[in-house]
Amino acid sequence: MRNKRLIVLLSVVTALVLIIVTCGATFLVRSVDAYSYYGDVVIDGRNYDSLVIEAAGIKKNSSMFFLDETAVKNRVEDAYPNIRVVNVERKFPDRVSINYVVYENSFQYKNGDRYYQCYASGRIGGSSDGKMSGYFTLKPRAATFTARGDYFQNADGPDRKTVDAFIRFMYTKGLNDRQINERIDFVDLTREGYVYIRTTAGCSIELAGGLSEFNDLMARGWNIFVDTNPDSPVTSRVSGLIKAWISRADGGAGTVKSSYVKVGAEIGRNEDGTIKYYSDASYYAENYMPEFKSGGASV
C-alpha cells in the first residue's frame, strides 16, 4: 500500500514538472509591441512605438510568467518624461503589448533664476534661462521641484491638483495642449483660494473656491469668455475680468455666481474721492502682487 502511494505521488510530481517545463518552453516572449492610446505618435520625426519598445528592455525568449510590469513602466517613463505607460499586457502564449500616452508641451514656471518646462502630465522636461514659447506660465503657490523627469510637485501638492484639473477641463472643451497654449498666457495660484487665469486675448478669469468646485467655476467663467472655435485663438472677450464664485447665502451647498467688468468701467471711488475705473493691470497688482500696491504694474 505504501509503495502504491509513493508511485502515485511520484507520478503527480513528474506530471507537474513536465507541465512546468512545457509551459516554460512554450510561454516565452517572442514579440513585443507598443501602441499609443491615441493612435500612431510621431513627434519631431520620432516614432514612439519603437522608442517605447527599446526603453522597455524586455528580453526575447524570457519567461512570460516572470515579466515585471512595474519595472517595464519605470524604465520607459524614466527614459521619456513625456510618456506615461497605461498598462503592460501579457498576451499568451508569447506576446507583450505596452499601451502608452505621449504628453505634449504644456506649462512652465520659474524657480530661482530659471524657468522649468513641463509636459501636460506635470513632469519636468527641461529648463531655460528665460520663458520659452509654446507654454503657458504657471505661478505656483507651493514649492516646486527642478530635476528633469520629476513631477513639478508631489501628488498631493495643491498646485499640481489644480493644474491637472485645469488641463483636464480644457480637454473637455476639445482643445489639445497646443491650442490651450494659444489661448492661455498665465495661471496664477499664489493667492490662496483663488485661481487667476490671463488669456492671450487679454481677458482674465478669476475663480474663487476650492478644488472640489473648480469644474463648476471654470465652466461658468469659460462660457462667459466664449471660445467656440477650437482652431482659432480669437475670442469674443478681449479685455476685462470675469469672476466666478460660490454663493452660500441660502445656507445650502451653494450656487455658482458670476460677473464681468470691462476695462474702463466705473467700479467705485478712490481714496481721494475720484472715480475709480477698472484696469486689468491695477486689479492684478493690487490682488496678486502685494509689493505693487500703487497699481498700474506691468504684468
C-alpha atoms as a PDB file:
ATOM      1  CA  MET A   1       0.000   0.000   0.000  1.00  0.00           C
ATOM      2  CA  ARG A   2       2.834   2.356   0.923  1.00  0.00           C
ATOM      3  CA  ASN A   3       4.608   1.677  -2.364  1.00  0.00           C
ATOM      4  CA  LYS A   4       1.412   2.419  -4.265  1.00  0.00           C
ATOM      5  CA  ARG A   5       1.070   5.793  -2.589  1.00  0.00           C
ATOM      6  CA  LEU A   6       4.699   6.578  -3.346  1.00  0.00           C
ATOM      7  CA  ILE A   7       4.235   5.666  -7.003  1.00  0.00           C
ATOM      8  CA  VAL A   8       1.134   7.889  -7.229  1.00  0.00           C
ATOM      9  CA  LEU A   9       2.967  10.768  -5.544  1.00  0.00           C
ATOM     10  CA  LEU A  10       5.949  10.430  -7.874  1.00  0.00           C
ATOM     11  CA  SER A  11       3.625  10.331 -10.854  1.00  0.00           C
ATOM     12  CA  VAL A  12       1.920  13.559  -9.786  1.00  0.00           C
ATOM     13  CA  VAL A  13       5.252  15.298  -9.168  1.00  0.00           C
ATOM     14  CA  THR A  14       6.575  14.122 -12.530  1.00  0.00           C
ATOM     15  CA  ALA A  15       3.441  15.369 -14.286  1.00  0.00           C
ATOM     16  CA  LEU A  16       3.744  18.770 -12.596  1.00  0.00           C
ATOM     17  CA  VAL A  17       7.395  19.054 -13.575  1.00  0.00           C
ATOM     18  CA  LEU A  18       6.546  18.199 -17.172  1.00  0.00           C
ATOM     19  CA  ILE A  19       3.784  20.813 -17.192  1.00  0.00           C
ATOM     20  CA  ILE A  20       6.115  23.470 -15.777  1.00  0.00           C
ATOM     21  CA  VAL A  21       8.863  22.602 -18.247  1.00  0.00           C
ATOM     22  CA  THR A  22       6.405  22.585 -21.147  1.00  0.00           C
ATOM     23  CA  CYS A  23       4.902  25.918 -20.105  1.00  0.00           C
ATOM     24  CA  GLY A  24       8.351  27.375 -19.594  1.00  0.00           C
ATOM     25  CA  ALA A  25       9.325  26.400 -23.110  1.00  0.00           C
ATOM     26  CA  THR A  26       6.010  27.445 -24.633  1.00  0.00           C
ATOM     27  CA  PHE A  27       5.257  30.733 -22.844  1.00  0.00           C
ATOM     28  CA  LEU A  28       8.341  32.723 -23.786  1.00  0.00           C
ATOM     29  CA  VAL A  29       8.357  36.295 -25.029  1.00  0.00           C
ATOM     30  CA  ARG A  30       8.591  36.137 -28.809  1.00  0.00           C
ATOM     31  CA  SER A  31       7.075  39.506 -29.694  1.00  0.00           C
ATOM     32  CA  VAL A  32       6.858  42.956 -28.029  1.00  0.00           C
ATOM     33  CA  ASP A  33       4.703  45.726 -29.459  1.00  0.00           C
ATOM     34  CA  ALA A  34       3.711  49.183 -28.284  1.00  0.00           C
ATOM     35  CA  TYR A  35       0.783  51.374 -29.200  1.00  0.00           C
ATOM     36  CA  SER A  36      -0.407  54.797 -28.174  1.00  0.00           C
ATOM     37  CA  TYR A  37      -3.839  55.236 -26.661  1.00  0.00           C
ATOM     38  CA  TYR A  38      -4.447  57.999 -29.236  1.00  0.00           C
ATOM     39  CA  GLY A  39      -3.055  56.206 -32.285  1.00  0.00           C
ATOM     40  CA  ASP A  40       0.321  56.443 -34.013  1.00  0.00           C
ATOM     41  CA  VAL A  41       2.551  59.093 -32.480  1.00  0.00           C
ATOM     42  CA  VAL A  42       5.382  60.712 -34.426  1.00  0.00           C
ATOM     43  CA  ILE A  43       6.884  63.801 -32.788  1.00  0.00           C
ATOM     44  CA  ASP A  44       9.991  65.542 -34.144  1.00  0.00           C
ATOM     45  CA  GLY A  45      10.333  62.732 -36.631  1.00  0.00           C
ATOM     46  CA  ARG A  46      10.479  60.044 -33.928  1.00  0.00           C
ATOM     47  CA  ASN A  47       8.117  57.091 -33.869  1.00  0.00           C
ATOM     48  CA  TYR A  48       7.380  56.483 -30.226  1.00  0.00           C
ATOM     49  CA  ASP A  49       6.340  52.846 -30.676  1.00  0.00           C
ATOM     50  CA  SER A  50       9.912  51.783 -31.380  1.00  0.00           C
ATOM     51  CA  LEU A  51      11.314  54.076 -28.679  1.00  0.00           C
ATOM     52  CA  VAL A  52       8.971  52.619 -26.056  1.00  0.00           C
ATOM     53  CA  ILE A  53       9.835  49.032 -27.056  1.00  0.00           C
ATOM     54  CA  GLU A  54      13.547  49.785 -26.834  1.00  0.00           C
ATOM     55  CA  ALA A  55      13.250  51.539 -23.459  1.00  0.00           C
ATOM     56  CA  ALA A  56      11.073  48.738 -22.031  1.00  0.00           C
ATOM     57  CA  GLY A  57      14.071  46.404 -22.094  1.00  0.00           C
ATOM     58  CA  ILE A  58      12.020  43.203 -22.390  1.00  0.00           C
ATOM     59  CA  LYS A  59      14.310  40.370 -23.475  1.00  0.00           C
ATOM     60  CA  LYS A  60      13.181  37.999 -26.178  1.00  0.00           C
ATOM     61  CA  ASN A  61      12.756  34.377 -25.063  1.00  0.00           C
ATOM     62  CA  SER A  62      12.380  35.428 -21.423  1.00  0.00           C
ATOM     63  CA  SER A  63       9.555  33.889 -19.426  1.00  0.00           C
ATOM     64  CA  MET A  64       6.102  35.440 -19.772  1.00  0.00           C
ATOM     65  CA  PHE A  65       5.444  34.478 -16.159  1.00  0.00           C
ATOM     66  CA  PHE A  66       8.348  36.461 -14.733  1.00  0.00           C
ATOM     67  CA  LEU A  67       7.670  39.697 -16.607  1.00  0.00           C
ATOM     68  CA  ASP A  68       7.816  42.644 -14.168  1.00  0.00           C
ATOM     69  CA  GLU A  69       5.221  45.154 -15.430  1.00  0.00           C
ATOM     70  CA  THR A  70       6.215  47.788 -12.864  1.00  0.00           C
ATOM     71  CA  ALA A  71       9.866  47.631 -13.891  1.00  0.00           C
ATOM     72  CA  VAL A  72       8.896  47.976 -17.573  1.00  0.00           C
ATOM     73  CA  LYS A  73       6.733  51.006 -16.773  1.00  0.00           C
ATOM     74  CA  ASN A  74       9.524  52.637 -14.746  1.00  0.00           C
ATOM     75  CA  ARG A  75      12.162  52.061 -17.434  1.00  0.00           C
ATOM     76  CA  VAL A  76      10.027  53.662 -20.148  1.00  0.00           C
ATOM     77  CA  GLU A  77       8.916  56.637 -18.045  1.00  0.00           C
ATOM     78  CA  ASP A  78      12.447  57.246 -16.743  1.00  0.00           C
ATOM     79  CA  ALA A  79      13.733  57.356 -20.318  1.00  0.00           C
ATOM     80  CA  TYR A  80      10.974  59.648 -21.587  1.00  0.00           C
ATOM     81  CA  PRO A  81       9.360  62.126 -19.127  1.00  0.00           C
ATOM     82  CA  ASN A  82       6.659  62.936 -21.696  1.00  0.00           C
ATOM     83  CA  ILE A  83       5.390  59.332 -21.731  1.00  0.00           C
ATOM     84  CA  ARG A  84       3.063  57.571 -19.305  1.00  0.00           C
ATOM     85  CA  VAL A  85       2.652  53.809 -19.612  1.00  0.00           C
ATOM     86  CA  VAL A  86      -1.034  52.993 -19.215  1.00  0.00           C
ATOM     87  CA  ASN A  87      -0.560  49.244 -18.916  1.00  0.00           C
ATOM     88  CA  VAL A  88       1.711  46.351 -19.838  1.00  0.00           C
ATOM     89  CA  GLU A  89      -0.354  43.421 -21.096  1.00  0.00           C
ATOM     90  CA  ARG A  90       0.738  39.805 -21.392  1.00  0.00           C
ATOM     91  CA  LYS A  91      -0.974  38.135 -24.341  1.00  0.00           C
ATOM     92  CA  PHE A  92      -0.342  34.433 -24.060  1.00  0.00           C
ATOM     93  CA  PRO A  93       1.330  32.453 -25.328  1.00  0.00           C
ATOM     94  CA  ASP A  94       4.201  34.722 -26.403  1.00  0.00           C
ATOM     95  CA  ARG A  95       3.303  38.393 -26.891  1.00  0.00           C
ATOM     96  CA  VAL A  96       3.643  41.535 -24.720  1.00  0.00           C
ATOM     97  CA  SER A  97       1.854  44.801 -25.525  1.00  0.00           C
ATOM     98  CA  ILE A  98       2.659  48.182 -23.995  1.00  0.00           C
ATOM     99  CA  ASN A  99      -0.077  50.823 -24.056  1.00  0.00           C
ATOM    100  CA  TYR A 100       1.215  54.360 -23.557  1.00  0.00           C
ATOM    101  CA  VAL A 101       0.289  58.038 -23.777  1.00  0.00           C
ATOM    102  CA  VAL A 102       2.549  60.833 -25.044  1.00  0.00           C
ATOM    103  CA  TYR A 103       2.102  64.240 -23.431  1.00  0.00           C
ATOM    104  CA  GLU A 104       2.912  67.454 -25.272  1.00  0.00           C
ATOM    105  CA  ASN A 105       4.428  70.704 -24.013  1.00  0.00           C
ATOM    106  CA  SER A 106       2.117  72.395 -21.541  1.00  0.00           C
ATOM    107  CA  PHE A 107       3.320  74.917 -18.947  1.00  0.00           C
ATOM    108  CA  GLN A 108       6.410  76.462 -17.418  1.00  0.00           C
ATOM    109  CA  TYR A 109       7.186  78.030 -14.046  1.00  0.00           C
ATOM    110  CA  LYS A 110      10.032  79.970 -12.502  1.00  0.00           C
ATOM    111  CA  ASN A 111      12.175  78.594  -9.710  1.00  0.00           C
ATOM    112  CA  GLY A 112      15.134  80.741  -8.751  1.00  0.00           C
ATOM    113  CA  ASP A 113      16.674  82.226 -11.879  1.00  0.00           C
ATOM    114  CA  ARG A 114      15.435  79.554 -14.297  1.00  0.00           C
ATOM    115  CA  TYR A 115      12.202  78.534 -15.983  1.00  0.00           C
ATOM    116  CA  TYR A 116      11.204  74.873 -15.952  1.00  0.00           C
ATOM    117  CA  GLN A 117       9.097  73.482 -18.787  1.00  0.00           C
ATOM    118  CA  CYS A 118       6.583  70.718 -18.083  1.00  0.00           C
ATOM    119  CA  TYR A 119       4.511  68.305 -20.103  1.00  0.00           C
ATOM    120  CA  ALA A 120       0.770  68.093 -19.530  1.00  0.00           C
ATOM    121  CA  SER A 121       1.405  65.202 -17.130  1.00  0.00           C
ATOM    122  CA  GLY A 122       3.168  67.639 -14.791  1.00  0.00           C
ATOM    123  CA  ARG A 123       6.613  66.111 -15.320  1.00  0.00           C
ATOM    124  CA  ILE A 124       9.587  68.371 -15.965  1.00  0.00           C
ATOM    125  CA  GLY A 125      11.043  68.077 -19.449  1.00  0.00           C
ATOM    126  CA  GLY A 126      13.691  70.790 -19.436  1.00  0.00           C
ATOM    127  CA  SER A 127      14.721  74.241 -18.256  1.00  0.00           C
ATOM    128  CA  SER A 128      15.884  77.563 -19.678  1.00  0.00           C
ATOM    129  CA  ASP A 129      17.211  80.965 -18.647  1.00  0.00           C
ATOM    130  CA  GLY A 130      14.047  82.695 -19.879  1.00  0.00           C
ATOM    131  CA  LYS A 131      10.486  81.959 -20.876  1.00  0.00           C
ATOM    132  CA  MET A 132      10.011  79.568 -23.792  1.00  0.00           C
ATOM    133  CA  SER A 133       7.291  79.925 -26.405  1.00  0.00           C
ATOM    134  CA  GLY A 134       4.695  77.187 -26.681  1.00  0.00           C
ATOM    135  CA  TYR A 135       3.946  77.031 -22.945  1.00  0.00           C
ATOM    136  CA  PHE A 136       1.600  78.924 -20.664  1.00  0.00           C
ATOM    137  CA  THR A 137       3.227  80.264 -17.500  1.00  0.00           C
ATOM    138  CA  LEU A 138       2.253  78.891 -14.106  1.00  0.00           C
ATOM    139  CA  LYS A 139       2.707  80.940 -10.951  1.00  0.00           C
ATOM    140  CA  PRO A 140       2.558  78.315  -8.171  1.00  0.00           C
ATOM    141  CA  ARG A 141       1.820  78.942  -4.506  1.00  0.00           C
ATOM    142  CA  ALA A 142       3.663  75.921  -3.081  1.00  0.00           C
ATOM    143  CA  ALA A 143       7.276  74.799  -3.517  1.00  0.00           C
ATOM    144  CA  THR A 144       8.298  73.178  -6.801  1.00  0.00           C
ATOM    145  CA  PHE A 145      10.943  70.685  -7.905  1.00  0.00           C
ATOM    146  CA  THR A 146      13.540  71.179 -10.625  1.00  0.00           C
ATOM    147  CA  ALA A 147      15.001  67.803 -11.678  1.00  0.00           C
ATOM    148  CA  ARG A 148      14.221  66.604 -15.197  1.00  0.00           C
ATOM    149  CA  GLY A 149      11.718  63.758 -15.109  1.00  0.00           C
ATOM    150  CA  ASP A 150      10.315  64.699 -11.696  1.00  0.00           C
ATOM    151  CA  TYR A 151       6.773  65.945 -11.270  1.00  0.00           C
ATOM    152  CA  PHE A 152       6.821  69.665 -10.519  1.00  0.00           C
ATOM    153  CA  GLN A 153       5.114  68.889  -7.194  1.00  0.00           C
ATOM    154  CA  ASN A 154       4.259  65.773  -5.215  1.00  0.00           C
ATOM    155  CA  ALA A 155       0.946  64.052  -5.941  1.00  0.00           C
ATOM    156  CA  ASP A 156      -0.703  65.820  -3.005  1.00  0.00           C
ATOM    157  CA  GLY A 157       0.679  69.232  -3.967  1.00  0.00           C
ATOM    158  CA  PRO A 158      -2.172  71.784  -4.106  1.00  0.00           C
ATOM    159  CA  ASP A 159      -0.939  73.420  -7.304  1.00  0.00           C
ATOM    160  CA  ARG A 160      -0.452  70.094  -9.070  1.00  0.00           C
ATOM    161  CA  LYS A 161      -4.056  69.094  -8.402  1.00  0.00           C
ATOM    162  CA  THR A 162      -5.359  72.445  -9.632  1.00  0.00           C
ATOM    163  CA  VAL A 163      -3.219  72.431 -12.781  1.00  0.00           C
ATOM    164  CA  ASP A 164      -4.339  68.893 -13.552  1.00  0.00           C
ATOM    165  CA  ALA A 165      -7.989  69.904 -13.095  1.00  0.00           C
ATOM    166  CA  PHE A 166      -7.451  72.936 -15.358  1.00  0.00           C
ATOM    167  CA  ILE A 167      -5.820  70.940 -18.179  1.00  0.00           C
ATOM    168  CA  ARG A 168      -8.454  68.208 -17.982  1.00  0.00           C
ATOM    169  CA  PHE A 169     -11.205  70.804 -18.158  1.00  0.00           C
ATOM    170  CA  MET A 170      -9.670  72.319 -21.283  1.00  0.00           C
ATOM    171  CA  TYR A 171      -9.519  68.859 -22.858  1.00  0.00           C
ATOM    172  CA  THR A 172     -13.281  68.553 -22.336  1.00  0.00           C
ATOM    173  CA  LYS A 173     -13.634  71.673 -24.499  1.00  0.00           C
ATOM    174  CA  GLY A 174     -11.975  69.857 -27.386  1.00  0.00           C
ATOM    175  CA  LEU A 175      -8.646  71.678 -27.021  1.00  0.00           C
ATOM    176  CA  ASN A 176      -5.300  69.928 -27.259  1.00  0.00           C
ATOM    177  CA  ASP A 177      -2.147  71.132 -25.489  1.00  0.00           C
ATOM    178  CA  ARG A 178      -1.048  73.362 -28.362  1.00  0.00           C
ATOM    179  CA  GLN A 179      -4.458  75.009 -28.557  1.00  0.00           C
ATOM    180  CA  ILE A 180      -4.524  75.542 -24.795  1.00  0.00           C
ATOM    181  CA  ASN A 181      -1.181  77.331 -25.001  1.00  0.00           C
ATOM    182  CA  GLU A 182      -2.509  79.530 -27.802  1.00  0.00           C
ATOM    183  CA  ARG A 183      -5.312  80.720 -25.517  1.00  0.00           C
ATOM    184  CA  ILE A 184      -3.673  80.941 -22.080  1.00  0.00           C
ATOM    185  CA  ASP A 185      -0.962  83.425 -21.131  1.00  0.00           C
ATOM    186  CA  PHE A 186      -0.543  82.530 -17.458  1.00  0.00           C
ATOM    187  CA  VAL A 187      -2.274  80.910 -14.494  1.00  0.00           C
ATOM    188  CA  ASP A 188      -1.653  82.427 -11.051  1.00  0.00           C
ATOM    189  CA  LEU A 189      -2.238  80.247  -7.968  1.00  0.00           C
ATOM    190  CA  THR A 190      -0.345  82.402  -5.458  1.00  0.00           C
ATOM    191  CA  ARG A 191      -3.481  83.742  -3.743  1.00  0.00           C
ATOM    192  CA  GLU A 192      -4.954  81.056  -1.510  1.00  0.00           C
ATOM    193  CA  GLY A 193      -8.482  80.071  -2.536  1.00  0.00           C
ATOM    194  CA  TYR A 194      -8.241  81.769  -5.937  1.00  0.00           C
ATOM    195  CA  VAL A 195      -7.233  80.866  -9.480  1.00  0.00           C
ATOM    196  CA  TYR A 196      -6.434  83.775 -11.782  1.00  0.00           C
ATOM    197  CA  ILE A 197      -6.223  82.978 -15.499  1.00  0.00           C
ATOM    198  CA  ARG A 198      -4.991  85.527 -18.030  1.00  0.00           C
ATOM    199  CA  THR A 199      -5.900  84.635 -21.611  1.00  0.00           C
ATOM    200  CA  THR A 200      -3.782  85.602 -24.603  1.00  0.00           C
ATOM    201  CA  ALA A 201      -6.792  87.570 -25.836  1.00  0.00           C
ATOM    202  CA  GLY A 202      -6.393  89.868 -22.832  1.00  0.00           C
ATOM    203  CA  CYS A 203      -9.460  88.902 -20.827  1.00  0.00           C
ATOM    204  CA  SER A 204      -8.928  87.418 -17.350  1.00  0.00           C
ATOM    205  CA  ILE A 205     -10.916  84.797 -15.436  1.00  0.00           C
ATOM    206  CA  GLU A 206     -10.831  84.691 -11.638  1.00  0.00           C
ATOM    207  CA  LEU A 207     -12.233  81.699  -9.777  1.00  0.00           C
ATOM    208  CA  ALA A 208     -12.895  81.862  -6.037  1.00  0.00           C
ATOM    209  CA  GLY A 209     -13.424  78.477  -4.408  1.00  0.00           C
ATOM    210  CA  GLY A 210     -11.932  75.100  -3.600  1.00  0.00           C
ATOM    211  CA  LEU A 211     -10.693  72.277  -5.795  1.00  0.00           C
ATOM    212  CA  SER A 212     -13.990  70.381  -5.465  1.00  0.00           C
ATOM    213  CA  GLU A 213     -15.761  73.381  -7.016  1.00  0.00           C
ATOM    214  CA  PHE A 214     -13.195  74.040  -9.715  1.00  0.00           C
ATOM    215  CA  ASN A 215     -15.000  72.443 -12.674  1.00  0.00           C
ATOM    216  CA  ASP A 216     -18.277  74.272 -11.988  1.00  0.00           C
ATOM    217  CA  LEU A 217     -16.483  77.591 -11.555  1.00  0.00           C
ATOM    218  CA  MET A 218     -14.290  77.091 -14.607  1.00  0.00           C
ATOM    219  CA  ALA A 219     -17.287  76.107 -16.729  1.00  0.00           C
ATOM    220  CA  ARG A 220     -19.072  79.336 -15.796  1.00  0.00           C
ATOM    221  CA  GLY A 221     -16.024  81.509 -16.397  1.00  0.00           C
ATOM    222  CA  TRP A 222     -15.103  79.851 -19.681  1.00  0.00           C
ATOM    223  CA  ASN A 223     -18.656  80.040 -21.017  1.00  0.00           C
ATOM    224  CA  ILE A 224     -18.696  83.777 -20.391  1.00  0.00           C
ATOM    225  CA  PHE A 225     -15.328  84.073 -22.087  1.00  0.00           C
ATOM    226  CA  VAL A 226     -16.868  82.299 -25.116  1.00  0.00           C
ATOM    227  CA  ASP A 227     -14.269  80.476 -27.127  1.00  0.00           C
ATOM    228  CA  THR A 228     -16.339  78.479 -29.597  1.00  0.00           C
ATOM    229  CA  ASN A 229     -13.807  77.785 -32.332  1.00  0.00           C
ATOM    230  CA  PRO A 230     -11.022  75.353 -31.284  1.00  0.00           C
ATOM    231  CA  ASP A 231      -8.998  76.140 -34.434  1.00  0.00           C
ATOM    232  CA  SER A 232      -8.638  79.847 -33.732  1.00  0.00           C
ATOM    233  CA  PRO A 233      -7.365  81.727 -30.663  1.00  0.00           C
ATOM    234  CA  VAL A 234      -9.694  84.635 -31.461  1.00  0.00           C
ATOM    235  CA  THR A 235     -12.290  85.092 -28.723  1.00  0.00           C
ATOM    236  CA  SER A 236     -15.235  87.375 -28.106  1.00  0.00           C
ATOM    237  CA  ARG A 237     -13.885  88.994 -24.918  1.00  0.00           C
ATOM    238  CA  VAL A 238     -10.524  90.648 -25.422  1.00  0.00           C
ATOM    239  CA  SER A 239     -10.222  92.507 -22.110  1.00  0.00           C
ATOM    240  CA  GLY A 240     -11.821  92.875 -18.735  1.00  0.00           C
ATOM    241  CA  LEU A 241     -12.362  90.483 -15.846  1.00  0.00           C
ATOM    242  CA  ILE A 242     -14.729  87.532 -15.456  1.00  0.00           C
ATOM    243  CA  LYS A 243     -15.349  86.419 -11.872  1.00  0.00           C
ATOM    244  CA  ALA A 244     -16.943  83.150 -10.764  1.00  0.00           C
ATOM    245  CA  TRP A 245     -17.592  82.220  -7.143  1.00  0.00           C
ATOM    246  CA  ILE A 246     -19.817  80.110  -4.930  1.00  0.00           C
ATOM    247  CA  SER A 247     -22.658  81.872  -3.144  1.00  0.00           C
ATOM    248  CA  ARG A 248     -23.886  80.178   0.029  1.00  0.00           C
ATOM    249  CA  ALA A 249     -26.421  82.797   1.006  1.00  0.00           C
ATOM    250  CA  ASP A 250     -29.134  80.149   1.297  1.00  0.00           C
ATOM    251  CA  GLY A 251     -27.015  78.047   3.679  1.00  0.00           C
ATOM    252  CA  GLY A 252     -27.050  75.065   1.328  1.00  0.00           C
ATOM    253  CA  ALA A 253     -24.449  73.558  -0.984  1.00  0.00           C
ATOM    254  CA  GLY A 254     -24.113  76.880  -2.750  1.00  0.00           C
ATOM    255  CA  THR A 255     -24.681  78.107  -6.273  1.00  0.00           C
ATOM    256  CA  VAL A 256     -22.240  79.421  -8.852  1.00  0.00           C
ATOM    257  CA  LYS A 257     -22.388  83.179  -9.357  1.00  0.00           C
ATOM    258  CA  SER A 258     -20.500  85.246 -11.894  1.00  0.00           C
ATOM    259  CA  SER A 259     -19.835  88.775 -13.100  1.00  0.00           C
ATOM    260  CA  TYR A 260     -17.997  90.556 -15.875  1.00  0.00           C
ATOM    261  CA  VAL A 261     -16.435  94.004 -15.816  1.00  0.00           C
ATOM    262  CA  LYS A 262     -14.832  95.590 -18.844  1.00  0.00           C
ATOM    263  CA  VAL A 263     -11.744  97.789 -18.896  1.00  0.00           C
ATOM    264  CA  GLY A 264     -12.632 101.402 -18.176  1.00  0.00           C
ATOM    265  CA  ALA A 265     -15.870 100.579 -16.356  1.00  0.00           C
ATOM    266  CA  GLU A 266     -16.643 102.614 -13.258  1.00  0.00           C
ATOM    267  CA  ILE A 267     -16.113 100.397 -10.190  1.00  0.00           C
ATOM    268  CA  GLY A 268     -16.230 102.819  -7.259  1.00  0.00           C
ATOM    269  CA  ARG A 269     -14.255 105.644  -5.732  1.00  0.00           C
ATOM    270  CA  ASN A 270     -10.605 106.139  -4.951  1.00  0.00           C
ATOM    271  CA  GLU A 271      -9.467 107.270  -1.504  1.00  0.00           C
ATOM    272  CA  ASP A 272      -9.369 110.861  -2.710  1.00  0.00           C
ATOM    273  CA  GLY A 273     -12.978 110.652  -3.850  1.00  0.00           C
ATOM    274  CA  THR A 274     -12.275 110.498  -7.580  1.00  0.00           C
ATOM    275  CA  ILE A 275     -13.998 107.892  -9.742  1.00  0.00           C
ATOM    276  CA  LYS A 276     -12.186 104.569  -9.912  1.00  0.00           C
ATOM    277  CA  TYR A 277     -12.128 102.805 -13.254  1.00  0.00           C
ATOM    278  CA  TYR A 278     -11.354  99.145 -13.782  1.00  0.00           C
ATOM    279  CA  SER A 279      -7.888  98.282 -15.126  1.00  0.00           C
ATOM    280  CA  ASP A 280      -6.575  94.745 -15.652  1.00  0.00           C
ATOM    281  CA  ALA A 281      -3.076  95.730 -14.580  1.00  0.00           C
ATOM    282  CA  SER A 282      -4.207  97.588 -11.471  1.00  0.00           C
ATOM    283  CA  TYR A 283      -6.537  94.813 -10.330  1.00  0.00           C
ATOM    284  CA  TYR A 284      -3.868  92.168 -10.774  1.00  0.00           C
ATOM    285  CA  ALA A 285      -1.227  94.241  -8.989  1.00  0.00           C
ATOM    286  CA  GLU A 286      -3.494  95.025  -6.035  1.00  0.00           C
ATOM    287  CA  ASN A 287      -4.685  91.441  -5.536  1.00  0.00           C
ATOM    288  CA  TYR A 288      -1.796  89.264  -6.697  1.00  0.00           C
ATOM    289  CA  MET A 289       1.282  91.470  -6.436  1.00  0.00           C
ATOM    290  CA  PRO A 290       1.153  92.964  -2.919  1.00  0.00           C
ATOM    291  CA  GLU A 291       4.537  94.626  -3.425  1.00  0.00           C
ATOM    292  CA  PHE A 292       2.928  96.857  -6.098  1.00  0.00           C
ATOM    293  CA  LYS A 293       0.001  98.384  -4.251  1.00  0.00           C
ATOM    294  CA  SER A 294       0.207 101.562  -6.305  1.00  0.00           C
ATOM    295  CA  GLY A 295      -1.469  99.885  -9.302  1.00  0.00           C
ATOM    296  CA  GLY A 296      -0.642 100.031 -12.962  1.00  0.00           C
ATOM    297  CA  ALA A 297       2.133  97.483 -12.579  1.00  0.00           C
ATOM    298  CA  SER A 298       3.331  95.688 -15.655  1.00  0.00           C
ATOM    299  CA  VAL A 299       2.255  92.063 -15.907  1.00  0.00           C
END
